[in-house]
């Protein structure tokens, strides 16, 4: 999971949660996404996973 790149489908605010779509197991899956250091990521942006914090929750940063 760490290092995978996905597309932001729901904007990730600086201090909140959004959603990123990742390609896994031959299909697309939505994951709840948070960012590090108060970084906001806009919808349709590319993001890379830096940590998986739960079964469908990831910490991402902008590509």
C-alpha atoms as a PDB file:
ATOM      1  CA  UNK A   1       0.000   0.000   0.000  1.00  0.00           C
ATOM      2  CA  UNK A   2       2.784   2.466   0.920  1.00  0.00           C
ATOM      3  CA  UNK A   3       4.090   4.112  -2.246  1.00  0.00           C
ATOM      4  CA  UNK A   4       0.914   3.556  -4.262  1.00  0.00           C
ATOM      5  CA  UNK A   5      -0.388   6.549  -6.202  1.00  0.00           C
ATOM      6  CA  UNK A   6      -4.071   7.367  -6.461  1.00  0.00           C
ATOM      7  CA  UNK A   7      -6.571  10.056  -7.441  1.00  0.00           C
ATOM      8  CA  UNK A   8      -8.286  12.289  -4.885  1.00  0.00           C
ATOM      9  CA  UNK A   9     -12.056  11.879  -5.310  1.00  0.00           C
ATOM     10  CA  UNK A  10     -13.101  13.976  -2.284  1.00  0.00           C
ATOM     11  CA  UNK A  11     -10.850  16.952  -1.391  1.00  0.00           C
ATOM     12  CA  UNK A  12      -8.587  16.350   1.599  1.00  0.00           C
ATOM     13  CA  UNK A  13      -8.679  19.466   3.818  1.00  0.00           C
ATOM     14  CA  UNK A  14      -5.689  20.502   5.906  1.00  0.00           C
ATOM     15  CA  UNK A  15      -7.213  19.259   9.163  1.00  0.00           C
ATOM     16  CA  UNK A  16      -9.795  16.746   8.035  1.00  0.00           C
ATOM     17  CA  UNK A  17     -10.502  13.717   5.930  1.00  0.00           C
ATOM     18  CA  UNK A  18     -11.110  13.209   2.246  1.00  0.00           C
ATOM     19  CA  UNK A  19     -11.055  10.240  -0.084  1.00  0.00           C
ATOM     20  CA  UNK A  20      -8.565   8.762  -2.512  1.00  0.00           C
ATOM     21  CA  UNK A  21      -9.161   6.069  -5.141  1.00  0.00           C
ATOM     22  CA  UNK A  22      -6.447   3.404  -5.340  1.00  0.00           C
ATOM     23  CA  UNK A  23      -6.076   0.532  -7.791  1.00  0.00           C
ATOM     24  CA  UNK A  24      -5.929  -2.685  -5.758  1.00  0.00           C
ATOM     25  CA  UNK A  25      -6.675  -6.326  -6.505  1.00  0.00           C
ATOM     26  CA  UNK A  26      -7.462  -5.561 -10.137  1.00  0.00           C
ATOM     27  CA  UNK A  27     -10.053  -2.871  -9.341  1.00  0.00           C
ATOM     28  CA  UNK A  28     -10.559   0.574  -7.828  1.00  0.00           C
ATOM     29  CA  UNK A  29     -11.204   1.030  -4.113  1.00  0.00           C
ATOM     30  CA  UNK A  30     -12.004   4.176  -2.128  1.00  0.00           C
ATOM     31  CA  UNK A  31      -9.941   4.897   0.980  1.00  0.00           C
ATOM     32  CA  UNK A  32     -10.452   7.553   3.636  1.00  0.00           C
ATOM     33  CA  UNK A  33      -7.460   9.887   3.331  1.00  0.00           C
ATOM     34  CA  UNK A  34      -5.665  12.240   5.702  1.00  0.00           C
ATOM     35  CA  UNK A  35      -2.571  14.392   5.069  1.00  0.00           C
ATOM     36  CA  UNK A  36       0.556  15.204   7.026  1.00  0.00           C
ATOM     37  CA  UNK A  37       1.498  18.653   8.249  1.00  0.00           C
ATOM     38  CA  UNK A  38      -1.721  20.498   7.467  1.00  0.00           C
ATOM     39  CA  UNK A  39      -1.436  20.029   3.703  1.00  0.00           C
ATOM     40  CA  UNK A  40      -4.693  20.264   1.714  1.00  0.00           C
ATOM     41  CA  UNK A  41      -5.100  18.274  -1.521  1.00  0.00           C
ATOM     42  CA  UNK A  42      -7.662  19.259  -4.164  1.00  0.00           C
ATOM     43  CA  UNK A  43     -10.112  16.944  -5.925  1.00  0.00           C
ATOM     44  CA  UNK A  44      -8.678  15.219  -9.030  1.00  0.00           C
ATOM     45  CA  UNK A  45      -5.092  15.674  -7.744  1.00  0.00           C
ATOM     46  CA  UNK A  46      -2.672  12.773  -7.592  1.00  0.00           C
ATOM     47  CA  UNK A  47      -1.593  11.605  -4.134  1.00  0.00           C
ATOM     48  CA  UNK A  48       0.863   9.008  -2.870  1.00  0.00           C
ATOM     49  CA  UNK A  49       0.291   6.816   0.191  1.00  0.00           C
ATOM     50  CA  UNK A  50       2.905   7.312   2.922  1.00  0.00           C
ATOM     51  CA  UNK A  51       1.230   5.141   5.585  1.00  0.00           C
ATOM     52  CA  UNK A  52      -1.768   2.839   5.931  1.00  0.00           C
ATOM     53  CA  UNK A  53      -3.388   3.679   9.265  1.00  0.00           C
ATOM     54  CA  UNK A  54      -6.374   1.320   9.079  1.00  0.00           C
ATOM     55  CA  UNK A  55      -8.081  -1.224   6.825  1.00  0.00           C
ATOM     56  CA  UNK A  56      -9.433   1.510   4.490  1.00  0.00           C
ATOM     57  CA  UNK A  57      -7.630   4.575   5.859  1.00  0.00           C
ATOM     58  CA  UNK A  58      -4.406   6.062   4.511  1.00  0.00           C
ATOM     59  CA  UNK A  59      -2.075   8.981   5.120  1.00  0.00           C
ATOM     60  CA  UNK A  60      -1.205  10.672   1.808  1.00  0.00           C
ATOM     61  CA  UNK A  61       0.852  13.494   0.388  1.00  0.00           C
ATOM     62  CA  UNK A  62       0.571  15.366  -2.897  1.00  0.00           C
ATOM     63  CA  UNK A  63       2.596  13.919  -5.814  1.00  0.00           C
END
